[in-house]
Amino acid sequence: MEQRLALARAFLHDPELLLLDEPYTGLDPQAVAHLQDILVRFHGRGKTIVLTTHDIAHGLEVCDRAAILAGGRLVWHSGGSFPGPRRWRGSTSAKWRRASECGRFSSRT
């Protein structure tokens, strides 16, 4: 319930820039789906979302650009534009392989 309240407060004043840290934590699958819909609509209105998450699959569904940090270092980024959620939906293995090619990536979380 606290997570839902925190998210509601974040959206309440309709900010131009929304900073979310682990927004999916503590949410049931139905609430996650509802949050995804809200984030897509929010972004569709030209708003900016900066999102940190360990839930890579959900994060990639709502992003234009992505970056992976491991051990405090940037180990992979999508560059100037992201190919879009359809390419990555259901599997993040290609992204993880790219990150591991950097030589500093560890699959441990």
N, C-alpha and C. Protein backbone atom coordinates (compact mmCIF):
# COMPACT_ATOMS: atom_id res chain seq x y z
N MET A 1 0.82 -1.19 0.00
CA MET A 1 0.00 0.00 0.00
C MET A 1 0.87 1.26 0.00
N GLU A 2 2.00 1.25 0.72
CA GLU A 2 2.87 2.41 0.75
C GLU A 2 3.45 2.72 -0.62
N GLN A 3 3.79 1.66 -1.38
CA GLN A 3 4.35 1.86 -2.72
C GLN A 3 3.31 2.53 -3.62
N ARG A 4 2.07 2.08 -3.54
CA ARG A 4 1.02 2.68 -4.37
C ARG A 4 0.80 4.15 -4.01
N LEU A 5 0.86 4.45 -2.72
CA LEU A 5 0.69 5.83 -2.27
C LEU A 5 1.84 6.70 -2.76
N ALA A 6 3.06 6.19 -2.69
CA ALA A 6 4.22 6.94 -3.17
C ALA A 6 4.12 7.22 -4.66
N LEU A 7 3.67 6.24 -5.42
CA LEU A 7 3.50 6.43 -6.87
C LEU A 7 2.40 7.45 -7.16
N ALA A 8 1.30 7.37 -6.42
CA ALA A 8 0.21 8.34 -6.61
C ALA A 8 0.70 9.76 -6.34
N ARG A 9 1.49 9.93 -5.29
CA ARG A 9 2.02 11.27 -4.98
C ARG A 9 2.96 11.75 -6.08
N ALA A 10 3.72 10.84 -6.68
CA ALA A 10 4.65 11.23 -7.75
C ALA A 10 3.90 11.77 -8.97
N PHE A 11 2.76 11.19 -9.28
CA PHE A 11 2.00 11.60 -10.47
C PHE A 11 1.03 12.75 -10.19
N LEU A 12 0.74 13.01 -8.94
CA LEU A 12 -0.31 13.94 -8.56
C LEU A 12 -0.16 15.33 -9.14
N HIS A 13 1.03 15.89 -9.13
CA HIS A 13 1.22 17.26 -9.61
C HIS A 13 1.61 17.33 -11.08
N ASP A 14 1.49 16.21 -11.81
CA ASP A 14 1.73 16.16 -13.26
C ASP A 14 3.08 16.78 -13.65
N PRO A 15 4.19 16.22 -13.13
CA PRO A 15 5.50 16.82 -13.40
C PRO A 15 5.96 16.60 -14.83
N GLU A 16 6.83 17.46 -15.30
CA GLU A 16 7.44 17.29 -16.62
C GLU A 16 8.49 16.19 -16.57
N LEU A 17 9.16 16.04 -15.43
CA LEU A 17 10.20 15.03 -15.23
C LEU A 17 9.81 14.18 -14.03
N LEU A 18 9.73 12.88 -14.25
CA LEU A 18 9.35 11.95 -13.20
C LEU A 18 10.53 11.05 -12.89
N LEU A 19 10.98 11.03 -11.64
CA LEU A 19 12.08 10.17 -11.20
C LEU A 19 11.49 9.04 -10.37
N LEU A 20 11.68 7.81 -10.83
CA LEU A 20 11.15 6.64 -10.13
C LEU A 20 12.27 5.67 -9.81
N ASP A 21 12.38 5.27 -8.55
CA ASP A 21 13.38 4.32 -8.11
C ASP A 21 12.66 3.03 -7.70
N GLU A 22 12.88 1.97 -8.47
CA GLU A 22 12.26 0.66 -8.22
C GLU A 22 10.74 0.75 -8.05
N PRO A 23 10.03 1.31 -9.03
CA PRO A 23 8.59 1.48 -8.86
C PRO A 23 7.79 0.18 -8.84
N TYR A 24 8.34 -0.91 -9.35
CA TYR A 24 7.60 -2.18 -9.41
C TYR A 24 7.69 -2.98 -8.12
N THR A 25 8.61 -2.60 -7.24
CA THR A 25 8.82 -3.33 -5.99
C THR A 25 7.56 -3.27 -5.13
N GLY A 26 7.13 -4.42 -4.66
CA GLY A 26 5.98 -4.50 -3.77
C GLY A 26 4.63 -4.44 -4.45
N LEU A 27 4.60 -4.42 -5.78
CA LEU A 27 3.33 -4.37 -6.50
C LEU A 27 2.94 -5.76 -7.00
N ASP A 28 1.66 -6.07 -6.94
CA ASP A 28 1.19 -7.33 -7.50
C ASP A 28 1.12 -7.19 -9.03
N PRO A 29 1.00 -8.32 -9.75
CA PRO A 29 1.02 -8.26 -11.23
C PRO A 29 -0.02 -7.31 -11.83
N GLN A 30 -1.19 -7.24 -11.23
CA GLN A 30 -2.23 -6.34 -11.75
C GLN A 30 -1.80 -4.88 -11.58
N ALA A 31 -1.21 -4.55 -10.45
CA ALA A 31 -0.75 -3.19 -10.21
C ALA A 31 0.42 -2.83 -11.13
N VAL A 32 1.30 -3.81 -11.41
CA VAL A 32 2.41 -3.58 -12.34
C VAL A 32 1.86 -3.24 -13.72
N ALA A 33 0.87 -4.00 -14.18
CA ALA A 33 0.26 -3.74 -15.49
C ALA A 33 -0.38 -2.35 -15.52
N HIS A 34 -1.04 -1.98 -14.45
CA HIS A 34 -1.66 -0.66 -14.37
C HIS A 34 -0.59 0.44 -14.39
N LEU A 35 0.51 0.24 -13.66
CA LEU A 35 1.60 1.21 -13.67
C LEU A 35 2.20 1.34 -15.07
N GLN A 36 2.37 0.21 -15.76
CA GLN A 36 2.89 0.26 -17.13
C GLN A 36 2.01 1.13 -18.02
N ASP A 37 0.70 0.94 -17.92
CA ASP A 37 -0.23 1.75 -18.71
C ASP A 37 -0.09 3.24 -18.39
N ILE A 38 0.02 3.55 -17.11
CA ILE A 38 0.16 4.94 -16.70
C ILE A 38 1.46 5.54 -17.24
N LEU A 39 2.56 4.77 -17.16
CA LEU A 39 3.84 5.27 -17.66
C LEU A 39 3.81 5.49 -19.16
N VAL A 40 3.18 4.60 -19.90
CA VAL A 40 3.08 4.76 -21.35
C VAL A 40 2.28 6.03 -21.69
N ARG A 41 1.17 6.25 -21.01
CA ARG A 41 0.37 7.44 -21.25
C ARG A 41 1.12 8.71 -20.85
N PHE A 42 1.81 8.65 -19.72
CA PHE A 42 2.59 9.79 -19.24
C PHE A 42 3.65 10.16 -20.27
N HIS A 43 4.37 9.18 -20.77
CA HIS A 43 5.41 9.42 -21.78
C HIS A 43 4.79 9.90 -23.10
N GLY A 44 3.64 9.38 -23.44
CA GLY A 44 2.95 9.79 -24.66
C GLY A 44 2.54 11.25 -24.67
N ARG A 45 2.44 11.84 -23.48
CA ARG A 45 2.11 13.26 -23.37
C ARG A 45 3.36 14.13 -23.38
N GLY A 46 4.50 13.53 -23.75
CA GLY A 46 5.74 14.31 -23.87
C GLY A 46 6.50 14.49 -22.58
N LYS A 47 6.13 13.74 -21.56
CA LYS A 47 6.81 13.84 -20.27
C LYS A 47 8.05 12.95 -20.27
N THR A 48 9.01 13.27 -19.41
CA THR A 48 10.25 12.50 -19.29
C THR A 48 10.21 11.65 -18.04
N ILE A 49 10.62 10.39 -18.18
CA ILE A 49 10.65 9.47 -17.04
C ILE A 49 12.08 8.94 -16.92
N VAL A 50 12.65 9.08 -15.74
CA VAL A 50 13.93 8.45 -15.42
C VAL A 50 13.60 7.34 -14.43
N LEU A 51 13.92 6.12 -14.81
CA LEU A 51 13.49 4.94 -14.07
C LEU A 51 14.69 4.06 -13.74
N THR A 52 14.83 3.69 -12.48
CA THR A 52 15.82 2.69 -12.10
C THR A 52 15.07 1.46 -11.64
N THR A 53 15.50 0.30 -12.13
CA THR A 53 14.79 -0.92 -11.78
C THR A 53 15.67 -2.15 -11.97
N HIS A 54 15.39 -3.18 -11.21
CA HIS A 54 15.99 -4.49 -11.43
C HIS A 54 15.08 -5.33 -12.32
N ASP A 55 13.87 -4.84 -12.56
CA ASP A 55 12.89 -5.54 -13.40
C ASP A 55 13.11 -5.09 -14.85
N ILE A 56 14.13 -5.67 -15.48
CA ILE A 56 14.56 -5.23 -16.81
C ILE A 56 13.44 -5.33 -17.85
N ALA A 57 12.70 -6.42 -17.84
CA ALA A 57 11.66 -6.63 -18.85
C ALA A 57 10.62 -5.50 -18.82
N HIS A 58 10.13 -5.16 -17.63
CA HIS A 58 9.14 -4.09 -17.54
C HIS A 58 9.76 -2.74 -17.86
N GLY A 59 10.98 -2.52 -17.42
CA GLY A 59 11.64 -1.25 -17.71
C GLY A 59 11.81 -1.02 -19.20
N LEU A 60 12.19 -2.07 -19.93
CA LEU A 60 12.39 -1.92 -21.37
C LEU A 60 11.10 -1.68 -22.13
N GLU A 61 9.98 -2.09 -21.57
CA GLU A 61 8.70 -1.87 -22.25
C GLU A 61 8.33 -0.40 -22.31
N VAL A 62 8.87 0.41 -21.43
CA VAL A 62 8.45 1.80 -21.37
C VAL A 62 9.58 2.79 -21.65
N CYS A 63 10.71 2.30 -22.19
CA CYS A 63 11.83 3.23 -22.36
C CYS A 63 12.13 3.54 -23.83
N ASP A 64 12.76 4.68 -24.03
CA ASP A 64 13.31 5.06 -25.33
C ASP A 64 14.79 4.74 -25.37
N ARG A 65 15.44 4.92 -24.23
CA ARG A 65 16.88 4.65 -24.10
C ARG A 65 17.10 3.87 -22.82
N ALA A 66 18.15 3.06 -22.80
CA ALA A 66 18.42 2.22 -21.63
C ALA A 66 19.92 2.18 -21.35
N ALA A 67 20.25 1.94 -20.10
CA ALA A 67 21.64 1.77 -19.68
C ALA A 67 21.67 0.73 -18.58
N ILE A 68 22.75 -0.02 -18.53
CA ILE A 68 22.93 -1.02 -17.48
C ILE A 68 24.19 -0.66 -16.70
N LEU A 69 24.03 -0.62 -15.39
CA LEU A 69 25.16 -0.38 -14.49
C LEU A 69 25.48 -1.67 -13.76
N ALA A 70 26.74 -1.97 -13.59
CA ALA A 70 27.19 -3.12 -12.79
C ALA A 70 28.42 -2.69 -12.03
N GLY A 71 28.39 -2.90 -10.73
CA GLY A 71 29.52 -2.48 -9.92
C GLY A 71 29.78 -1.00 -9.97
N GLY A 72 28.72 -0.21 -10.16
CA GLY A 72 28.87 1.24 -10.22
C GLY A 72 29.40 1.77 -11.53
N ARG A 73 29.54 0.91 -12.53
CA ARG A 73 30.07 1.34 -13.83
C ARG A 73 29.04 1.10 -14.92
N LEU A 74 29.02 1.98 -15.89
CA LEU A 74 28.18 1.80 -17.06
C LEU A 74 28.78 0.70 -17.92
N VAL A 75 28.03 -0.40 -18.10
CA VAL A 75 28.55 -1.52 -18.88
C VAL A 75 27.85 -1.69 -20.22
N TRP A 76 26.71 -1.03 -20.40
CA TRP A 76 25.99 -1.11 -21.67
C TRP A 76 25.01 0.05 -21.73
N HIS A 77 24.86 0.60 -22.93
CA HIS A 77 23.81 1.60 -23.14
C HIS A 77 23.31 1.47 -24.57
N SER A 78 22.11 1.97 -24.77
CA SER A 78 21.48 1.80 -26.07
C SER A 78 21.88 2.88 -27.05
N GLY A 79 22.65 3.85 -26.65
CA GLY A 79 23.04 4.92 -27.55
C GLY A 79 21.99 6.00 -27.61
N GLY A 80 21.97 6.71 -28.73
CA GLY A 80 21.07 7.85 -28.88
C GLY A 80 19.60 7.49 -28.95
N SER A 81 19.29 6.35 -29.49
CA SER A 81 17.89 5.96 -29.55
C SER A 81 17.78 4.46 -29.29
N PHE A 82 16.66 4.06 -28.76
CA PHE A 82 16.44 2.67 -28.40
C PHE A 82 15.55 2.03 -29.45
N PRO A 83 15.81 0.78 -29.84
CA PRO A 83 15.03 0.17 -30.92
C PRO A 83 13.57 -0.05 -30.57
N GLY A 84 13.19 0.10 -29.34
CA GLY A 84 11.78 0.00 -28.97
C GLY A 84 11.46 -1.28 -28.24
N PRO A 85 10.34 -1.28 -27.51
CA PRO A 85 10.00 -2.41 -26.66
C PRO A 85 9.68 -3.68 -27.42
N ARG A 86 9.18 -3.60 -28.62
CA ARG A 86 8.80 -4.81 -29.34
C ARG A 86 10.00 -5.74 -29.58
N ARG A 87 11.16 -5.15 -29.87
CA ARG A 87 12.34 -5.94 -30.14
C ARG A 87 12.78 -6.75 -28.93
N TRP A 88 12.62 -6.21 -27.73
CA TRP A 88 13.14 -6.85 -26.53
C TRP A 88 12.08 -7.61 -25.75
N ARG A 89 10.83 -7.44 -26.05
CA ARG A 89 9.75 -8.04 -25.26
C ARG A 89 9.93 -9.54 -25.13
N GLY A 90 9.82 -10.01 -23.91
CA GLY A 90 9.87 -11.45 -23.65
C GLY A 90 11.26 -12.00 -23.46
N SER A 91 12.29 -11.29 -23.87
CA SER A 91 13.65 -11.80 -23.69
C SER A 91 14.62 -10.64 -23.61
N THR A 92 15.46 -10.70 -22.60
CA THR A 92 16.49 -9.67 -22.48
C THR A 92 17.86 -10.29 -22.68
N SER A 93 17.92 -11.51 -23.19
CA SER A 93 19.20 -12.20 -23.32
C SER A 93 20.16 -11.47 -24.26
N ALA A 94 19.66 -10.87 -25.32
CA ALA A 94 20.55 -10.15 -26.24
C ALA A 94 21.20 -8.97 -25.52
N LYS A 95 20.44 -8.29 -24.72
CA LYS A 95 20.95 -7.15 -23.97
C LYS A 95 22.01 -7.62 -22.97
N TRP A 96 21.74 -8.71 -22.29
CA TRP A 96 22.70 -9.22 -21.30
C TRP A 96 23.98 -9.65 -21.99
N ARG A 97 23.91 -10.25 -23.15
CA ARG A 97 25.12 -10.65 -23.87
C ARG A 97 25.95 -9.42 -24.22
N ARG A 98 25.30 -8.36 -24.67
CA ARG A 98 26.03 -7.15 -24.99
C ARG A 98 26.74 -6.60 -23.76
N ALA A 99 26.06 -6.62 -22.64
CA ALA A 99 26.66 -6.12 -21.41
C ALA A 99 27.86 -6.96 -21.01
N SER A 100 27.75 -8.28 -21.17
CA SER A 100 28.85 -9.15 -20.76
C SER A 100 30.06 -8.99 -21.66
N GLU A 101 29.86 -8.52 -22.88
CA GLU A 101 30.99 -8.30 -23.79
C GLU A 101 31.90 -7.19 -23.29
N CYS A 102 31.40 -6.37 -22.38
CA CYS A 102 32.21 -5.27 -21.86
C CYS A 102 33.29 -5.78 -20.90
N GLY A 103 33.19 -7.01 -20.44
CA GLY A 103 34.20 -7.59 -19.59
C GLY A 103 34.09 -7.22 -18.12
N ARG A 104 33.21 -6.28 -17.77
CA ARG A 104 33.07 -5.89 -16.39
C ARG A 104 31.72 -6.31 -15.84
N PHE A 105 30.91 -6.96 -16.62
CA PHE A 105 29.56 -7.27 -16.21
C PHE A 105 29.50 -8.57 -15.44
N SER A 106 28.76 -8.57 -14.38
CA SER A 106 28.53 -9.77 -13.59
C SER A 106 27.03 -10.03 -13.58
N SER A 107 26.63 -11.26 -13.76
CA SER A 107 25.20 -11.58 -13.78
C SER A 107 24.60 -11.60 -12.38
N ARG A 108 25.45 -11.47 -11.35
CA ARG A 108 24.93 -11.43 -9.98
C ARG A 108 24.25 -10.10 -9.72
N THR A 109 23.14 -10.14 -8.97
CA THR A 109 22.44 -8.90 -8.63
C THR A 109 22.58 -8.63 -7.17
